[in-house]
């Protein structure tokens, strides 16, 4: 108690001065109506903060503390996947919103169905798409909580399209 708590009989007695947490090997188990806040190796040898919801809740890294990185920039809920022609990811926004984003390359005049990196639990509020060139447009044809369908302009060239979707 004397190491990281305010001494008894002092203003703020019993409160933490700081919090020390040992690095966990894996996400701790949580029961009904419980959540966990803990420190775990991020897979690269760096201890990071994580949070996990009750029972089988998802685990989210909420800090980025690596050499050269700004620790004030949180990775809370961020998941980015890279493949040859596709970049996509998602993150939480304040107020319970989810932002998803991606990039893909497709030939002009084609229709593409893009699966969101994470299904929106309730609804999609907005999807935007931008082509790298300015000669023609990409159009959102349809959207649901798991996919968006784009039509990629006209012509014969392959173009890169960047997209974002916001929902909850």
Protein backbone atom coordinates (compact mmCIF):
# COMPACT_ATOMS: atom_id res chain seq x y z
CA UNK A 1 0.00 0.00 0.00
CA UNK A 2 2.77 2.47 0.81
CA UNK A 3 4.44 2.06 -2.59
CA UNK A 4 1.76 3.21 -5.00
CA UNK A 5 -1.06 4.52 -2.79
CA UNK A 6 -1.61 7.77 -0.96
CA UNK A 7 -0.89 7.17 2.72
CA UNK A 8 -3.76 6.77 5.16
CA UNK A 9 -4.41 9.94 7.19
CA UNK A 10 -3.43 12.08 4.15
CA UNK A 11 -5.65 13.88 1.65
CA UNK A 12 -6.76 11.32 -0.96
CA UNK A 13 -5.93 8.42 1.33
CA UNK A 14 -6.08 4.97 -0.21
CA UNK A 15 -6.13 6.25 -3.81
CA UNK A 16 -3.59 5.04 -6.33
CA UNK A 17 -0.56 7.19 -7.11
CA UNK A 18 0.07 5.02 -10.18
CA UNK A 19 -0.94 1.60 -11.45
CA UNK A 20 1.51 -1.25 -12.03
CA UNK A 21 0.33 -4.18 -14.11
CA UNK A 22 2.33 -7.31 -14.92
CA UNK A 23 2.43 -8.44 -18.55
CA UNK A 24 -0.13 -11.20 -19.17
CA UNK A 25 0.65 -14.15 -21.45
CA UNK A 26 -2.93 -14.13 -22.81
CA UNK A 27 -6.18 -12.24 -22.39
CA UNK A 28 -7.64 -13.00 -18.96
CA UNK A 29 -10.97 -14.79 -18.69
CA UNK A 30 -13.94 -12.61 -17.76
CA UNK A 31 -17.30 -13.62 -16.41
CA UNK A 32 -20.78 -12.26 -16.94
CA UNK A 33 -20.99 -8.51 -16.26
CA UNK A 34 -17.18 -8.24 -16.11
CA UNK A 35 -14.56 -6.60 -18.32
CA UNK A 36 -10.77 -6.69 -18.16
CA UNK A 37 -8.14 -3.97 -18.54
CA UNK A 38 -4.65 -5.48 -18.71
CA UNK A 39 -1.15 -5.36 -20.17
CA UNK A 40 0.00 -7.95 -22.70
CA UNK A 41 2.86 -8.37 -25.17
CA UNK A 42 1.75 -7.06 -28.58
CA UNK A 43 3.57 -9.88 -30.36
CA UNK A 44 6.59 -7.69 -31.01
CA UNK A 45 8.03 -7.72 -27.51
CA UNK A 46 6.36 -4.48 -26.37
CA UNK A 47 3.94 -4.37 -23.43
CA UNK A 48 0.67 -2.69 -24.49
CA UNK A 49 -2.67 -1.91 -22.82
CA UNK A 50 -5.66 -4.04 -23.84
CA UNK A 51 -9.33 -4.14 -22.90
CA UNK A 52 -11.70 -7.10 -23.24
CA UNK A 53 -15.46 -7.30 -22.80
CA UNK A 54 -17.38 -9.81 -20.75
CA UNK A 55 -17.02 -13.57 -21.29
CA UNK A 56 -16.14 -14.12 -24.95
CA UNK A 57 -15.87 -10.39 -25.74
CA UNK A 58 -13.40 -9.17 -28.31
CA UNK A 59 -9.96 -7.99 -27.27
CA UNK A 60 -8.81 -4.49 -28.29
CA UNK A 61 -5.38 -2.94 -28.08
CA UNK A 62 -5.75 0.59 -26.72
CA UNK A 63 -2.18 1.86 -26.78
CA UNK A 64 0.72 2.19 -29.17
CA UNK A 65 3.93 2.42 -27.22
CA UNK A 66 6.82 1.60 -29.49
CA UNK A 67 10.04 3.47 -30.08
CA UNK A 68 9.39 6.40 -32.39
CA UNK A 69 5.59 6.16 -32.02
CA UNK A 70 3.43 8.76 -30.34
CA UNK A 71 1.85 7.03 -27.34
CA UNK A 72 -1.00 9.56 -27.44
CA UNK A 73 -2.25 7.98 -30.68
CA UNK A 74 -4.36 5.04 -29.59
CA UNK A 75 -4.97 1.93 -31.67
CA UNK A 76 -8.27 1.29 -29.92
CA UNK A 77 -10.28 -1.12 -32.04
CA UNK A 78 -8.00 -0.76 -35.04
CA UNK A 79 -7.68 -3.71 -37.36
CA UNK A 80 -5.90 -3.30 -40.69
CA UNK A 81 -5.25 -6.07 -43.19
CA UNK A 82 -2.87 -5.76 -46.13
CA UNK A 83 -3.00 -7.95 -49.23
CA UNK A 84 -1.71 -7.50 -52.78
CA UNK A 85 -4.57 -5.34 -54.09
CA UNK A 86 -6.49 -4.47 -50.96
CA UNK A 87 -5.99 -2.44 -47.83
CA UNK A 88 -8.82 -2.35 -45.33
CA UNK A 89 -9.42 -1.70 -41.70
CA UNK A 90 -11.68 -0.25 -39.07
CA UNK A 91 -11.65 1.69 -35.83
CA UNK A 92 -14.10 2.94 -33.22
CA UNK A 93 -15.10 6.58 -33.12
CA UNK A 94 -16.60 8.49 -30.18
CA UNK A 95 -20.31 8.02 -29.63
CA UNK A 96 -20.36 4.36 -30.64
CA UNK A 97 -19.62 4.93 -34.33
CA UNK A 98 -17.42 2.62 -36.40
CA UNK A 99 -15.22 3.93 -39.23
CA UNK A 100 -14.14 1.42 -41.87
CA UNK A 101 -11.85 2.14 -44.80
CA UNK A 102 -10.11 0.48 -47.66
CA UNK A 103 -8.44 0.59 -51.03
CA UNK A 104 -8.83 -1.68 -54.00
CA UNK A 105 -7.84 -1.73 -57.66
CA UNK A 106 -10.31 -2.68 -60.36
CA UNK A 107 -10.65 -2.21 -64.10
CA UNK A 108 -12.85 0.59 -65.37
CA UNK A 109 -16.45 -0.32 -66.12
CA UNK A 110 -16.46 -3.14 -63.60
CA UNK A 111 -18.67 -3.72 -60.58
CA UNK A 112 -17.02 -4.72 -57.31
CA UNK A 113 -18.48 -6.07 -54.09
CA UNK A 114 -16.27 -5.15 -51.14
CA UNK A 115 -16.80 -6.96 -47.85
CA UNK A 116 -16.30 -4.66 -44.87
CA UNK A 117 -13.41 -5.70 -42.62
CA UNK A 118 -15.96 -5.90 -39.78
CA UNK A 119 -19.73 -6.19 -40.14
CA UNK A 120 -21.61 -3.16 -38.82
CA UNK A 121 -23.80 -4.39 -35.93
CA UNK A 122 -26.74 -2.07 -36.72
CA UNK A 123 -26.56 0.20 -39.75
CA UNK A 124 -24.34 1.95 -42.28
CA UNK A 125 -24.86 5.72 -42.32
CA UNK A 126 -22.55 6.78 -45.13
CA UNK A 127 -20.18 5.33 -47.73
CA UNK A 128 -17.85 7.46 -49.83
CA UNK A 129 -15.51 6.37 -52.61
CA UNK A 130 -12.80 8.26 -54.49
CA UNK A 131 -10.84 7.29 -57.58
CA UNK A 132 -7.17 8.20 -57.89
CA UNK A 133 -7.72 9.89 -61.29
CA UNK A 134 -10.33 12.50 -62.18
CA UNK A 135 -11.53 11.25 -65.58
CA UNK A 136 -14.52 9.30 -64.34
CA UNK A 137 -16.29 8.42 -61.13
CA UNK A 138 -16.90 5.47 -58.89
CA UNK A 139 -20.52 4.98 -57.84
CA UNK A 140 -21.94 3.27 -54.76
CA UNK A 141 -24.62 0.91 -56.12
CA UNK A 142 -25.78 -0.73 -52.88
CA UNK A 143 -24.76 -1.07 -49.27
CA UNK A 144 -25.70 -3.24 -46.30
CA UNK A 145 -24.07 -4.00 -42.94
CA UNK A 146 -21.52 -6.43 -44.45
CA UNK A 147 -20.80 -5.28 -48.03
CA UNK A 148 -20.81 -2.34 -50.42
CA UNK A 149 -21.08 -2.61 -54.21
CA UNK A 150 -19.22 -0.09 -56.38
CA UNK A 151 -19.30 0.55 -60.13
CA UNK A 152 -15.96 1.81 -61.35
CA UNK A 153 -16.43 4.45 -64.09
CA UNK A 154 -15.88 3.62 -67.74
CA UNK A 155 -12.89 2.83 -69.92
CA UNK A 156 -10.32 0.06 -69.97
CA UNK A 157 -7.69 1.03 -67.40
CA UNK A 158 -7.29 -0.34 -63.90
CA UNK A 159 -7.82 2.33 -61.23
CA UNK A 160 -7.31 2.49 -57.50
CA UNK A 161 -10.38 3.34 -55.43
CA UNK A 162 -10.28 4.53 -51.80
CA UNK A 163 -13.44 4.14 -49.72
CA UNK A 164 -14.75 4.91 -46.22
CA UNK A 165 -17.89 3.81 -44.43
CA UNK A 166 -19.36 5.07 -41.15
CA UNK A 167 -22.04 3.29 -39.15
CA UNK A 168 -22.80 1.70 -35.82
